[in-house]
Amino acid sequence: MKKLLIGACLFLAFTTDAALAQGKNSTPHALDCMAKAGFTRDMWVAKRAGTNAQVAQYIACRDGVSVTQAKKTGKKDGNFDTWTPGK
């Protein structure tokens, strides 16, 4: 019973995180930021959103933060396949 409860809690935690992340990137504001950065939501979902600079620009716009903070967020969230500082 204890294992079932722990499993259910983990399932809900991961499901909620995924749902929140999906919602964060599908709001009208986020979609507008994607367009400004030069890609679509379909490209974002497919992990084909363009350069690291475009992704950082999108995150900065979406979250209302500096590009420096957006780079940190993007690295933490795994949005950059390879991040080379200065590019």
N, C-alpha and C. Protein backbone atom coordinates (compact mmCIF):
# COMPACT_ATOMS: atom_id res chain seq x y z
N MET A 1 0.83 -1.19 0.00
CA MET A 1 0.00 0.00 0.00
C MET A 1 0.87 1.25 0.00
N LYS A 2 1.93 1.20 0.80
CA LYS A 2 2.82 2.35 0.90
C LYS A 2 3.49 2.63 -0.46
N LYS A 3 3.91 1.57 -1.15
CA LYS A 3 4.53 1.72 -2.47
C LYS A 3 3.55 2.31 -3.47
N LEU A 4 2.31 1.89 -3.40
CA LEU A 4 1.29 2.40 -4.30
C LEU A 4 1.07 3.90 -4.07
N LEU A 5 1.01 4.30 -2.81
CA LEU A 5 0.83 5.71 -2.48
C LEU A 5 2.01 6.55 -2.95
N ILE A 6 3.23 6.06 -2.74
CA ILE A 6 4.42 6.77 -3.20
C ILE A 6 4.43 6.87 -4.72
N GLY A 7 4.08 5.79 -5.39
CA GLY A 7 4.02 5.78 -6.85
C GLY A 7 2.99 6.77 -7.38
N ALA A 8 1.84 6.81 -6.73
CA ALA A 8 0.79 7.76 -7.15
C ALA A 8 1.25 9.19 -6.96
N CYS A 9 1.91 9.47 -5.85
CA CYS A 9 2.42 10.84 -5.59
C CYS A 9 3.45 11.24 -6.64
N LEU A 10 4.36 10.33 -6.96
CA LEU A 10 5.37 10.62 -7.98
C LEU A 10 4.72 10.86 -9.34
N PHE A 11 3.76 10.03 -9.68
CA PHE A 11 3.06 10.19 -10.95
C PHE A 11 2.40 11.56 -11.03
N LEU A 12 1.71 11.95 -9.98
CA LEU A 12 1.04 13.25 -9.97
C LEU A 12 2.04 14.40 -10.02
N ALA A 13 3.15 14.25 -9.33
CA ALA A 13 4.16 15.31 -9.33
C ALA A 13 4.72 15.52 -10.73
N PHE A 14 5.06 14.44 -11.42
CA PHE A 14 5.61 14.57 -12.76
C PHE A 14 4.55 15.02 -13.75
N THR A 15 3.34 14.55 -13.61
CA THR A 15 2.26 14.95 -14.49
C THR A 15 1.98 16.44 -14.33
N THR A 16 1.95 16.92 -13.10
CA THR A 16 1.69 18.32 -12.84
C THR A 16 2.80 19.19 -13.42
N ASP A 17 4.07 18.80 -13.24
CA ASP A 17 5.18 19.57 -13.79
C ASP A 17 5.08 19.65 -15.31
N ALA A 18 4.76 18.55 -15.95
CA ALA A 18 4.63 18.54 -17.40
C ALA A 18 3.48 19.42 -17.85
N ALA A 19 2.37 19.34 -17.14
CA ALA A 19 1.21 20.17 -17.50
C ALA A 19 1.50 21.65 -17.31
N LEU A 20 2.20 21.99 -16.23
CA LEU A 20 2.55 23.39 -16.00
C LEU A 20 3.51 23.88 -17.07
N ALA A 21 4.50 23.08 -17.41
CA ALA A 21 5.46 23.48 -18.43
C ALA A 21 4.77 23.67 -19.77
N GLN A 22 3.85 22.78 -20.10
CA GLN A 22 3.14 22.89 -21.36
C GLN A 22 2.28 24.15 -21.36
N GLY A 23 1.60 24.43 -20.27
CA GLY A 23 0.76 25.62 -20.19
C GLY A 23 1.57 26.89 -20.27
N LYS A 24 2.75 26.89 -19.67
CA LYS A 24 3.63 28.06 -19.67
C LYS A 24 4.06 28.42 -21.09
N ASN A 25 4.16 27.44 -21.95
CA ASN A 25 4.62 27.66 -23.32
C ASN A 25 3.50 27.71 -24.35
N SER A 26 2.26 27.73 -23.90
CA SER A 26 1.16 27.79 -24.87
C SER A 26 0.22 28.97 -24.61
N THR A 27 0.60 29.87 -23.73
CA THR A 27 -0.22 31.06 -23.48
C THR A 27 -0.09 32.01 -24.66
N PRO A 28 -1.06 32.91 -24.84
CA PRO A 28 -0.93 33.89 -25.92
C PRO A 28 0.37 34.71 -25.82
N HIS A 29 0.76 35.06 -24.60
CA HIS A 29 2.01 35.81 -24.41
C HIS A 29 3.21 34.99 -24.87
N ALA A 30 3.27 33.72 -24.48
CA ALA A 30 4.38 32.85 -24.87
C ALA A 30 4.42 32.67 -26.39
N LEU A 31 3.26 32.49 -27.00
CA LEU A 31 3.20 32.33 -28.46
C LEU A 31 3.68 33.58 -29.17
N ASP A 32 3.34 34.76 -28.63
CA ASP A 32 3.81 36.02 -29.20
C ASP A 32 5.34 36.12 -29.07
N CYS A 33 5.87 35.70 -27.92
CA CYS A 33 7.32 35.72 -27.72
C CYS A 33 8.01 34.76 -28.68
N MET A 34 7.40 33.60 -28.95
CA MET A 34 7.97 32.66 -29.91
C MET A 34 8.04 33.30 -31.29
N ALA A 35 6.97 33.96 -31.69
CA ALA A 35 6.94 34.61 -33.00
C ALA A 35 8.03 35.67 -33.10
N LYS A 36 8.21 36.44 -32.02
CA LYS A 36 9.26 37.47 -32.00
C LYS A 36 10.65 36.84 -32.12
N ALA A 37 10.82 35.65 -31.54
CA ALA A 37 12.11 34.96 -31.58
C ALA A 37 12.31 34.20 -32.89
N GLY A 38 11.25 34.08 -33.69
CA GLY A 38 11.39 33.48 -35.01
C GLY A 38 11.09 32.00 -35.11
N PHE A 39 10.24 31.49 -34.23
CA PHE A 39 9.85 30.09 -34.35
C PHE A 39 8.42 29.91 -33.85
N THR A 40 7.88 28.70 -34.07
CA THR A 40 6.49 28.39 -33.70
C THR A 40 6.46 27.43 -32.52
N ARG A 41 5.27 27.25 -31.97
CA ARG A 41 5.12 26.30 -30.86
C ARG A 41 5.45 24.88 -31.30
N ASP A 42 5.06 24.54 -32.51
CA ASP A 42 5.40 23.20 -33.03
C ASP A 42 6.91 22.99 -33.07
N MET A 43 7.64 24.03 -33.45
CA MET A 43 9.10 23.93 -33.47
C MET A 43 9.63 23.79 -32.05
N TRP A 44 9.03 24.51 -31.10
CA TRP A 44 9.46 24.43 -29.69
C TRP A 44 9.25 23.02 -29.15
N VAL A 45 8.07 22.47 -29.40
CA VAL A 45 7.74 21.13 -28.90
C VAL A 45 8.67 20.09 -29.52
N ALA A 46 9.02 20.27 -30.78
CA ALA A 46 9.89 19.32 -31.48
C ALA A 46 11.36 19.56 -31.17
N LYS A 47 11.64 20.53 -30.27
CA LYS A 47 13.02 20.89 -29.92
C LYS A 47 13.80 21.34 -31.15
N ARG A 48 13.12 22.08 -32.02
CA ARG A 48 13.73 22.63 -33.24
C ARG A 48 13.47 24.14 -33.29
N ALA A 49 13.64 24.79 -32.15
CA ALA A 49 13.27 26.20 -32.03
C ALA A 49 14.30 27.16 -32.58
N GLY A 50 15.40 26.67 -33.08
CA GLY A 50 16.40 27.57 -33.64
C GLY A 50 17.66 27.58 -32.81
N THR A 51 18.34 28.69 -32.87
CA THR A 51 19.62 28.82 -32.19
C THR A 51 19.43 29.01 -30.69
N ASN A 52 20.51 28.82 -29.94
CA ASN A 52 20.46 29.08 -28.50
C ASN A 52 20.09 30.53 -28.23
N ALA A 53 20.57 31.46 -29.08
CA ALA A 53 20.25 32.87 -28.91
C ALA A 53 18.75 33.11 -29.07
N GLN A 54 18.11 32.43 -30.03
CA GLN A 54 16.67 32.58 -30.21
C GLN A 54 15.91 32.02 -29.01
N VAL A 55 16.37 30.89 -28.50
CA VAL A 55 15.72 30.28 -27.34
C VAL A 55 15.87 31.19 -26.12
N ALA A 56 17.07 31.74 -25.92
CA ALA A 56 17.29 32.66 -24.80
C ALA A 56 16.41 33.91 -24.94
N GLN A 57 16.29 34.42 -26.17
CA GLN A 57 15.43 35.59 -26.41
C GLN A 57 13.98 35.26 -26.07
N TYR A 58 13.53 34.08 -26.46
CA TYR A 58 12.15 33.66 -26.17
C TYR A 58 11.91 33.56 -24.66
N ILE A 59 12.81 32.88 -23.95
CA ILE A 59 12.64 32.71 -22.50
C ILE A 59 12.65 34.06 -21.80
N ALA A 60 13.54 34.95 -22.23
CA ALA A 60 13.60 36.30 -21.63
C ALA A 60 12.28 37.03 -21.83
N CYS A 61 11.73 36.95 -23.02
CA CYS A 61 10.45 37.59 -23.32
C CYS A 61 9.32 36.93 -22.52
N ARG A 62 9.27 35.61 -22.55
CA ARG A 62 8.21 34.86 -21.88
C ARG A 62 8.17 35.12 -20.39
N ASP A 63 9.37 35.11 -19.77
CA ASP A 63 9.45 35.23 -18.31
C ASP A 63 9.66 36.66 -17.82
N GLY A 64 9.91 37.59 -18.76
CA GLY A 64 10.14 38.97 -18.37
C GLY A 64 11.43 39.14 -17.58
N VAL A 65 12.49 38.45 -18.03
CA VAL A 65 13.78 38.50 -17.34
C VAL A 65 14.86 38.91 -18.33
N SER A 66 16.06 39.13 -17.82
CA SER A 66 17.19 39.46 -18.68
C SER A 66 17.61 38.22 -19.47
N VAL A 67 18.35 38.45 -20.54
CA VAL A 67 18.85 37.33 -21.34
C VAL A 67 19.79 36.46 -20.50
N THR A 68 20.56 37.09 -19.62
CA THR A 68 21.46 36.33 -18.73
C THR A 68 20.67 35.36 -17.87
N GLN A 69 19.59 35.84 -17.27
CA GLN A 69 18.73 34.97 -16.45
C GLN A 69 18.04 33.93 -17.32
N ALA A 70 17.65 34.32 -18.53
CA ALA A 70 17.00 33.37 -19.45
C ALA A 70 17.95 32.23 -19.80
N LYS A 71 19.23 32.55 -19.97
CA LYS A 71 20.22 31.49 -20.26
C LYS A 71 20.29 30.50 -19.10
N LYS A 72 20.29 31.02 -17.88
CA LYS A 72 20.32 30.14 -16.70
C LYS A 72 19.08 29.26 -16.65
N THR A 73 17.93 29.87 -16.89
CA THR A 73 16.66 29.12 -16.89
C THR A 73 16.68 28.06 -17.98
N GLY A 74 17.11 28.44 -19.18
CA GLY A 74 17.15 27.50 -20.30
C GLY A 74 18.08 26.34 -20.05
N LYS A 75 19.24 26.60 -19.45
CA LYS A 75 20.18 25.52 -19.14
C LYS A 75 19.58 24.60 -18.09
N LYS A 76 18.96 25.19 -17.05
CA LYS A 76 18.36 24.39 -15.97
C LYS A 76 17.23 23.52 -16.50
N ASP A 77 16.43 24.06 -17.41
CA ASP A 77 15.27 23.34 -17.94
C ASP A 77 15.63 22.42 -19.11
N GLY A 78 16.89 22.44 -19.55
CA GLY A 78 17.30 21.57 -20.64
C GLY A 78 16.84 22.04 -22.01
N ASN A 79 16.68 23.36 -22.17
CA ASN A 79 16.23 23.89 -23.45
C ASN A 79 17.35 24.04 -24.47
N PHE A 80 18.58 23.96 -24.04
CA PHE A 80 19.71 24.10 -24.95
C PHE A 80 20.36 22.74 -25.11
N ASP A 81 20.51 22.31 -26.37
CA ASP A 81 21.20 21.04 -26.61
C ASP A 81 22.66 21.17 -26.21
N THR A 82 23.28 22.20 -26.69
CA THR A 82 24.65 22.50 -26.29
C THR A 82 24.72 24.00 -26.11
N TRP A 83 25.20 24.42 -24.99
CA TRP A 83 25.27 25.85 -24.73
C TRP A 83 26.72 26.28 -24.74
N THR A 84 27.06 27.15 -25.65
CA THR A 84 28.40 27.71 -25.71
C THR A 84 28.29 29.18 -25.34
N PRO A 85 28.89 29.61 -24.23
CA PRO A 85 28.80 31.01 -23.84
C PRO A 85 29.27 31.92 -24.96
N GLY A 86 28.54 33.01 -25.14
CA GLY A 86 28.90 33.97 -26.17
C GLY A 86 28.23 33.74 -27.50
N LYS A 87 27.58 32.61 -27.68
CA LYS A 87 26.90 32.34 -28.95
C LYS A 87 25.43 32.57 -28.81
